[in-house]
PDB file of N, CA and C in Angstrom:
ATOM      1  N   ILE A   1      66.715  56.660  11.674  1.00  0.00           N
ATOM      2  CA  ILE A   1      66.831  55.661  12.837  1.00  0.00           C
ATOM      3  C   ILE A   1      65.545  55.847  13.642  1.00  0.00           C
ATOM      4  N   ARG A   2      65.062  54.731  14.092  1.00  0.00           N
ATOM      5  CA  ARG A   2      63.984  54.695  14.877  1.00  0.00           C
ATOM      6  C   ARG A   2      64.357  55.093  16.350  1.00  0.00           C
ATOM      7  N   TYR A   3      63.764  56.021  16.886  1.00  0.00           N
ATOM      8  CA  TYR A   3      64.045  56.568  18.213  1.00  0.00           C
ATOM      9  C   TYR A   3      63.378  55.602  19.290  1.00  0.00           C
ATOM     10  N   ASP A   4      64.269  55.015  19.979  1.00  0.00           N
ATOM     11  CA  ASP A   4      63.738  54.185  21.162  1.00  0.00           C
ATOM     12  C   ASP A   4      64.110  54.923  22.426  1.00  0.00           C
ATOM     13  N   PHE A   5      63.214  54.562  23.396  1.00  0.00           N
ATOM     14  CA  PHE A   5      63.406  55.409  24.685  1.00  0.00           C
ATOM     15  C   PHE A   5      64.606  54.999  25.401  1.00  0.00           C
ATOM     16  N   HIS A   6      65.191  53.821  25.241  1.00  0.00           N
ATOM     17  CA  HIS A   6      66.432  53.490  25.905  1.00  0.00           C
ATOM     18  C   HIS A   6      67.663  54.364  25.390  1.00  0.00           C
ATOM     19  N   TYR A   7      67.478  55.036  24.325  1.00  0.00           N
ATOM     20  CA  TYR A   7      68.557  55.984  23.832  1.00  0.00           C
ATOM     21  C   TYR A   7      68.571  57.233  24.744  1.00  0.00           C
ATOM     22  N   ALA A   8      67.500  57.608  25.373  1.00  0.00           N
ATOM     23  CA  ALA A   8      67.339  58.779  26.181  1.00  0.00           C
ATOM     24  C   ALA A   8      68.389  58.844  27.181  1.00  0.00           C
ATOM     25  N   ARG A   9      68.751  57.656  27.860  1.00  0.00           N
ATOM     26  CA  ARG A   9      69.853  57.782  28.963  1.00  0.00           C
ATOM     27  C   ARG A   9      71.205  57.917  28.395  1.00  0.00           C
ATOM     28  N   PHE A  10      71.456  57.778  27.116  1.00  0.00           N
ATOM     29  CA  PHE A  10      72.738  57.952  26.519  1.00  0.00           C
ATOM     30  C   PHE A  10      72.954  59.244  25.775  1.00  0.00           C
ATOM     31  N   ILE A  11      71.978  59.993  25.763  1.00  0.00           N
ATOM     32  CA  ILE A  11      72.015  61.244  25.011  1.00  0.00           C
ATOM     33  C   ILE A  11      73.217  62.223  25.542  1.00  0.00           C
ATOM     34  N   LYS A  12      73.335  62.265  26.934  1.00  0.00           N
ATOM     35  CA  LYS A  12      74.480  63.127  27.520  1.00  0.00           C
ATOM     36  C   LYS A  12      75.808  62.612  27.231  1.00  0.00           C
ATOM     37  N   SER A  13      75.956  61.240  26.825  1.00  0.00           N
ATOM     38  CA  SER A  13      77.251  60.798  26.589  1.00  0.00           C
ATOM     39  C   SER A  13      77.726  60.745  25.163  1.00  0.00           C
ATOM     40  N   PHE A  14      76.975  61.428  24.176  1.00  0.00           N
ATOM     41  CA  PHE A  14      77.399  61.481  22.904  1.00  0.00           C
ATOM     42  C   PHE A  14      78.640  62.450  22.767  1.00  0.00           C
ATOM     43  N   ALA A  15      79.645  61.950  22.032  1.00  0.00           N
ATOM     44  CA  ALA A  15      80.878  62.747  21.896  1.00  0.00           C
ATOM     45  C   ALA A  15      80.632  63.855  20.893  1.00  0.00           C
ATOM     46  N   GLN A  16      79.632  63.694  19.893  1.00  0.00           N
ATOM     47  CA  GLN A  16      79.521  64.604  18.828  1.00  0.00           C
ATOM     48  C   GLN A  16      78.177  65.078  19.001  1.00  0.00           C
ATOM     49  N   GLU A  17      77.920  66.420  18.904  1.00  0.00           N
ATOM     50  CA  GLU A  17      76.733  67.002  18.829  1.00  0.00           C
ATOM     51  C   GLU A  17      76.824  68.139  17.839  1.00  0.00           C
ATOM     52  N   TYR A  18      75.643  68.379  17.127  1.00  0.00           N
ATOM     53  CA  TYR A  18      75.753  69.406  16.152  1.00  0.00           C
ATOM     54  C   TYR A  18      74.366  70.253  16.384  1.00  0.00           C
ATOM     55  N   ASP A  19      74.415  71.632  16.395  1.00  0.00           N
ATOM     56  CA  ASP A  19      73.323  72.386  16.444  1.00  0.00           C
ATOM     57  C   ASP A  19      72.942  72.864  15.045  1.00  0.00           C
ATOM     58  N   LEU A  20      71.713  72.497  14.756  1.00  0.00           N
ATOM     59  CA  LEU A  20      71.240  72.911  13.363  1.00  0.00           C
ATOM     60  C   LEU A  20      70.799  74.279  13.429  1.00  0.00           C
ATOM     61  N   ASN A  21      70.950  75.059  12.225  1.00  0.00           N
ATOM     62  CA  ASN A  21      70.184  76.247  12.077  1.00  0.00           C
ATOM     63  C   ASN A  21      68.860  76.039  11.414  1.00  0.00           C
ATOM     64  N   GLU A  22      68.060  77.031  11.312  1.00  0.00           N
ATOM     65  CA  GLU A  22      66.695  76.778  10.739  1.00  0.00           C
ATOM     66  C   GLU A  22      66.744  76.213   9.358  1.00  0.00           C
ATOM     67  N   ASN A  23      67.589  76.671   8.496  1.00  0.00           N
ATOM     68  CA  ASN A  23      67.575  76.198   7.180  1.00  0.00           C
ATOM     69  C   ASN A  23      68.011  74.670   7.132  1.00  0.00           C
ATOM     70  N   GLU A  24      68.965  74.278   7.895  1.00  0.00           N
ATOM     71  CA  GLU A  24      69.431  72.928   8.029  1.00  0.00           C
ATOM     72  C   GLU A  24      68.215  72.009   8.596  1.00  0.00           C
ATOM     73  N   LEU A  25      67.568  72.496   9.636  1.00  0.00           N
ATOM     74  CA  LEU A  25      66.443  71.804   9.994  1.00  0.00           C
ATOM     75  C   LEU A  25      65.427  71.468   9.057  1.00  0.00           C
ATOM     76  N   LYS A  26      65.169  72.523   8.294  1.00  0.00           N
ATOM     77  CA  LYS A  26      64.040  72.359   7.188  1.00  0.00           C
ATOM     78  C   LYS A  26      64.618  71.322   6.218  1.00  0.00           C
ATOM     79  N   GLN A  27      65.939  71.430   5.812  1.00  0.00           N
ATOM     80  CA  GLN A  27      66.556  70.561   4.887  1.00  0.00           C
ATOM     81  C   GLN A  27      66.518  69.057   5.429  1.00  0.00           C
ATOM     82  N   TYR A  28      66.797  68.905   6.641  1.00  0.00           N
ATOM     83  CA  TYR A  28      66.717  67.564   7.321  1.00  0.00           C
ATOM     84  C   TYR A  28      65.241  67.091   7.317  1.00  0.00           C
ATOM     85  N   TYR A  29      64.275  67.774   7.697  1.00  0.00           N
ATOM     86  CA  TYR A  29      62.914  67.446   7.670  1.00  0.00           C
ATOM     87  C   TYR A  29      62.305  67.307   6.290  1.00  0.00           C
ATOM     88  N   HIS A  30      62.941  67.798   5.358  1.00  0.00           N
ATOM     89  CA  HIS A  30      62.473  67.702   3.960  1.00  0.00           C
ATOM     90  C   HIS A  30      63.124  66.677   3.176  1.00  0.00           C
ATOM     91  N   ARG A  31      63.498  65.544   3.895  1.00  0.00           N
ATOM     92  CA  ARG A  31      64.058  64.283   3.268  1.00  0.00           C
ATOM     93  C   ARG A  31      65.279  64.420   2.609  1.00  0.00           C
ATOM     94  N   GLN A  32      66.220  65.277   3.082  1.00  0.00           N
ATOM     95  CA  GLN A  32      67.458  65.496   2.505  1.00  0.00           C
ATOM     96  C   GLN A  32      68.524  65.102   3.502  1.00  0.00           C
ATOM     97  N   SER A  33      69.779  64.640   3.027  1.00  0.00           N
ATOM     98  CA  SER A  33      70.802  64.360   3.846  1.00  0.00           C
ATOM     99  C   SER A  33      71.622  65.654   4.051  1.00  0.00           C
ATOM    100  N   LEU A  34      72.449  65.680   5.041  1.00  0.00           N
ATOM    101  CA  LEU A  34      73.251  66.771   5.476  1.00  0.00           C
ATOM    102  C   LEU A  34      74.697  66.542   5.063  1.00  0.00           C
ATOM    103  N   ASN A  35      75.405  67.411   4.303  1.00  0.00           N
ATOM    104  CA  ASN A  35      76.713  67.206   3.828  1.00  0.00           C
ATOM    105  C   ASN A  35      77.655  67.958   4.907  1.00  0.00           C
ATOM    106  N   TRP A  36      78.261  67.179   5.793  1.00  0.00           N
ATOM    107  CA  TRP A  36      79.150  67.814   6.747  1.00  0.00           C
ATOM    108  C   TRP A  36      80.437  66.921   6.855  1.00  0.00           C
ATOM    109  N   THR A  37      81.598  67.501   7.007  1.00  0.00           N
ATOM    110  CA  THR A  37      82.729  66.716   7.243  1.00  0.00           C
ATOM    111  C   THR A  37      83.021  66.626   8.767  1.00  0.00           C
ATOM    112  N   ILE A  38      82.509  65.551   9.300  1.00  0.00           N
ATOM    113  CA  ILE A  38      82.735  65.313  10.792  1.00  0.00           C
ATOM    114  C   ILE A  38      83.106  63.832  10.883  1.00  0.00           C
ATOM    115  N   PRO A  39      83.653  63.439  11.976  1.00  0.00           N
ATOM    116  CA  PRO A  39      84.178  61.996  12.106  1.00  0.00           C
ATOM    117  C   PRO A  39      83.081  60.998  11.999  1.00  0.00           C
ATOM    118  N   LYS A  40      83.429  59.846  11.705  1.00  0.00           N
ATOM    119  CA  LYS A  40      82.385  58.653  11.451  1.00  0.00           C
ATOM    120  C   LYS A  40      81.818  58.450  12.936  1.00  0.00           C
ATOM    121  N   GLY A  41      80.492  58.065  12.918  1.00  0.00           N
ATOM    122  CA  GLY A  41      79.909  57.567  14.147  1.00  0.00           C
ATOM    123  C   GLY A  41      78.584  58.325  14.369  1.00  0.00           C
ATOM    124  N   TYR A  42      78.067  58.105  15.494  1.00  0.00           N
ATOM    125  CA  TYR A  42      76.739  58.708  15.758  1.00  0.00           C
ATOM    126  C   TYR A  42      76.967  60.177  16.238  1.00  0.00           C
ATOM    127  N   VAL A  43      75.929  60.934  15.922  1.00  0.00           N
ATOM    128  CA  VAL A  43      75.993  62.349  16.217  1.00  0.00           C
ATOM    129  C   VAL A  43      74.476  62.769  16.645  1.00  0.00           C
ATOM    130  N   LEU A  44      74.506  63.591  17.721  1.00  0.00           N
ATOM    131  CA  LEU A  44      73.302  64.149  18.262  1.00  0.00           C
ATOM    132  C   LEU A  44      72.860  65.416  17.548  1.00  0.00           C
ATOM    133  N   LEU A  45      71.776  65.431  16.830  1.00  0.00           N
ATOM    134  CA  LEU A  45      71.299  66.600  16.111  1.00  0.00           C
ATOM    135  C   LEU A  45      70.404  67.476  17.099  1.00  0.00           C
ATOM    136  N   LYS A  46      70.646  68.771  17.243  1.00  0.00           N
ATOM    137  CA  LYS A  46      69.851  69.587  18.127  1.00  0.00           C
ATOM    138  C   LYS A  46      69.497  70.812  17.356  1.00  0.00           C
ATOM    139  N   PHE A  47      68.341  71.483  17.779  1.00  0.00           N
ATOM    140  CA  PHE A  47      67.901  72.689  17.356  1.00  0.00           C
ATOM    141  C   PHE A  47      67.558  73.583  18.549  1.00  0.00           C
ATOM    142  N   ASN A  48      67.994  74.664  18.758  1.00  0.00           N
ATOM    143  CA  ASN A  48      67.729  75.568  19.957  1.00  0.00           C
ATOM    144  C   ASN A  48      67.859  74.806  21.246  1.00  0.00           C
ATOM    145  N   GLY A  49      68.768  73.917  21.297  1.00  0.00           N
ATOM    146  CA  GLY A  49      69.052  73.140  22.571  1.00  0.00           C
ATOM    147  C   GLY A  49      68.175  71.893  22.702  1.00  0.00           C
ATOM    148  N   LEU A  50      67.248  71.603  21.904  1.00  0.00           N
ATOM    149  CA  LEU A  50      66.363  70.439  21.893  1.00  0.00           C
ATOM    150  C   LEU A  50      66.934  69.381  21.053  1.00  0.00           C
ATOM    151  N   THR A  51      66.954  68.128  21.385  1.00  0.00           N
ATOM    152  CA  THR A  51      67.298  67.039  20.645  1.00  0.00           C
ATOM    153  C   THR A  51      66.382  66.735  19.561  1.00  0.00           C
ATOM    154  N   ILE A  52      66.791  66.720  18.337  1.00  0.00           N
ATOM    155  CA  ILE A  52      65.976  66.437  17.132  1.00  0.00           C
ATOM    156  C   ILE A  52      66.093  64.988  16.779  1.00  0.00           C
ATOM    157  N   ASP A  53      67.207  64.443  16.637  1.00  0.00           N
ATOM    158  CA  ASP A  53      67.416  63.143  16.238  1.00  0.00           C
ATOM    159  C   ASP A  53      68.881  62.584  16.604  1.00  0.00           C
ATOM    160  N   ILE A  54      69.029  61.283  16.631  1.00  0.00           N
ATOM    161  CA  ILE A  54      70.277  60.597  16.725  1.00  0.00           C
ATOM    162  C   ILE A  54      70.633  60.023  15.397  1.00  0.00           C
ATOM    163  N   ALA A  55      71.658  60.607  14.646  1.00  0.00           N
ATOM    164  CA  ALA A  55      72.018  60.211  13.295  1.00  0.00           C
ATOM    165  C   ALA A  55      73.327  59.581  13.212  1.00  0.00           C
ATOM    166  N   LYS A  56      73.653  58.987  12.166  1.00  0.00           N
ATOM    167  CA  LYS A  56      75.004  58.392  11.960  1.00  0.00           C
ATOM    168  C   LYS A  56      75.706  59.028  10.765  1.00  0.00           C
ATOM    169  N   SER A  57      76.919  59.358  10.970  1.00  0.00           N
ATOM    170  CA  SER A  57      77.715  59.845   9.992  1.00  0.00           C
ATOM    171  C   SER A  57      78.757  58.858   9.503  1.00  0.00           C
ATOM    172  N   ASP A  58      78.943  58.934   8.099  1.00  0.00           N
ATOM    173  CA  ASP A  58      79.893  58.215   7.437  1.00  0.00           C
ATOM    174  C   ASP A  58      81.239  58.988   7.177  1.00  0.00           C
ATOM    175  N   GLY A  59      81.326  60.166   7.729  1.00  0.00           N
ATOM    176  CA  GLY A  59      82.539  60.956   7.531  1.00  0.00           C
ATOM    177  C   GLY A  59      82.381  62.129   6.694  1.00  0.00           C
ATOM    178  N   ARG A  60      81.306  62.002   5.691  1.00  0.00           N
ATOM    179  CA  ARG A  60      81.107  63.065   4.773  1.00  0.00           C
ATOM    180  C   ARG A  60      79.620  63.390   4.747  1.00  0.00           C
ATOM    181  N   ILE A  61      78.750  62.574   5.070  1.00  0.00           N
ATOM    182  CA  ILE A  61      77.269  62.781   4.990  1.00  0.00           C
ATOM    183  C   ILE A  61      76.639  62.177   6.204  1.00  0.00           C
ATOM    184  N   ILE A  62      75.589  62.967   6.703  1.00  0.00           N
ATOM    185  CA  ILE A  62      74.710  62.480   7.704  1.00  0.00           C
ATOM    186  C   ILE A  62      73.428  62.097   6.973  1.00  0.00           C
ATOM    187  N   LYS A  63      73.202  60.840   6.849  1.00  0.00           N
ATOM    188  CA  LYS A  63      71.947  60.330   6.152  1.00  0.00           C
ATOM    189  C   LYS A  63      70.683  60.685   6.943  1.00  0.00           C
ATOM    190  N   ASN A  64      69.640  61.019   6.201  1.00  0.00           N
ATOM    191  CA  ASN A  64      68.392  61.323   6.823  1.00  0.00           C
ATOM    192  C   ASN A  64      67.681  59.872   7.076  1.00  0.00           C
ATOM    193  N   ARG A  65      67.673  59.491   8.421  1.00  0.00           N
ATOM    194  CA  ARG A  65      67.122  58.159   8.734  1.00  0.00           C
ATOM    195  C   ARG A  65      65.768  58.409   9.500  1.00  0.00           C
ATOM    196  N   LEU A  66      65.133  59.550   9.369  1.00  0.00           N
ATOM    197  CA  LEU A  66      63.832  59.634   9.984  1.00  0.00           C
ATOM    198  C   LEU A  66      62.779  58.839   9.198  1.00  0.00           C
ATOM    199  N   PRO A  67      61.924  58.186   9.912  1.00  0.00           N
ATOM    200  CA  PRO A  67      60.772  57.525   9.229  1.00  0.00           C
ATOM    201  C   PRO A  67      60.112  58.507   8.389  1.00  0.00           C
ATOM    202  N   LYS A  68      59.574  57.926   7.199  1.00  0.00           N
ATOM    203  CA  LYS A  68      58.961  58.887   6.307  1.00  0.00           C
ATOM    204  C   LYS A  68      57.764  59.475   6.781  1.00  0.00           C
ATOM    205  N   GLY A  69      57.117  58.920   7.713  1.00  0.00           N
ATOM    206  CA  GLY A  69      55.909  59.459   8.322  1.00  0.00           C
ATOM    207  C   GLY A  69      56.222  60.801   9.254  1.00  0.00           C
ATOM    208  N   LEU A  70      57.565  60.838   9.709  1.00  0.00           N
ATOM    209  CA  LEU A  70      57.876  62.003  10.502  1.00  0.00           C
ATOM    210  C   LEU A  70      58.387  63.113   9.647  1.00  0.00           C
ATOM    211  N   ARG A  71      58.755  62.875   8.367  1.00  0.00           N
ATOM    212  CA  ARG A  71      59.359  63.907   7.456  1.00  0.00           C
ATOM    213  C   ARG A  71      58.163  64.930   7.045  1.00  0.00           C
ATOM    214  N   LYS A  72      58.522  66.074   6.903  1.00  0.00           N
ATOM    215  CA  LYS A  72      57.625  67.122   6.543  1.00  0.00           C
ATOM    216  C   LYS A  72      57.734  67.761   5.207  1.00  0.00           C
ATOM    217  N   ASN A  73      56.718  68.245   4.705  1.00  0.00           N
ATOM    218  CA  ASN A  73      56.891  69.029   3.451  1.00  0.00           C
ATOM    219  C   ASN A  73      56.693  70.524   3.782  1.00  0.00           C
ATOM    220  N   PHE A  74      57.714  71.300   3.531  1.00  0.00           N
ATOM    221  CA  PHE A  74      57.680  72.714   3.890  1.00  0.00           C
ATOM    222  C   PHE A  74      57.418  73.416   2.488  1.00  0.00           C
ATOM    223  N   ASN A  75      56.649  74.453   2.524  1.00  0.00           N
ATOM    224  CA  ASN A  75      56.409  75.260   1.358  1.00  0.00           C
ATOM    225  C   ASN A  75      57.305  76.491   1.394  1.00  0.00           C
ATOM    226  N   GLY A  76      58.551  76.321   1.195  1.00  0.00           N
ATOM    227  CA  GLY A  76      59.309  77.470   1.239  1.00  0.00           C
ATOM    228  C   GLY A  76      60.850  77.195   1.331  1.00  0.00           C
TER     229      GLY A  76
END
């Protein structure tokens, strides 16, 4: 999802938030989707209290919608 600044005012109103651990963060930034069973809709992804992305869940998977230029290659 392309992050637009008008999303910033809605960040506190998200019903679903998920705190990523370090491995999940690397997985997400390494072009992979996250397999979680959470309700359908938008979810706020956080790491150590910082907002990482606004993602959309289909009920089983949170698809990685970061632009390819923002995705990272980790050696590990």
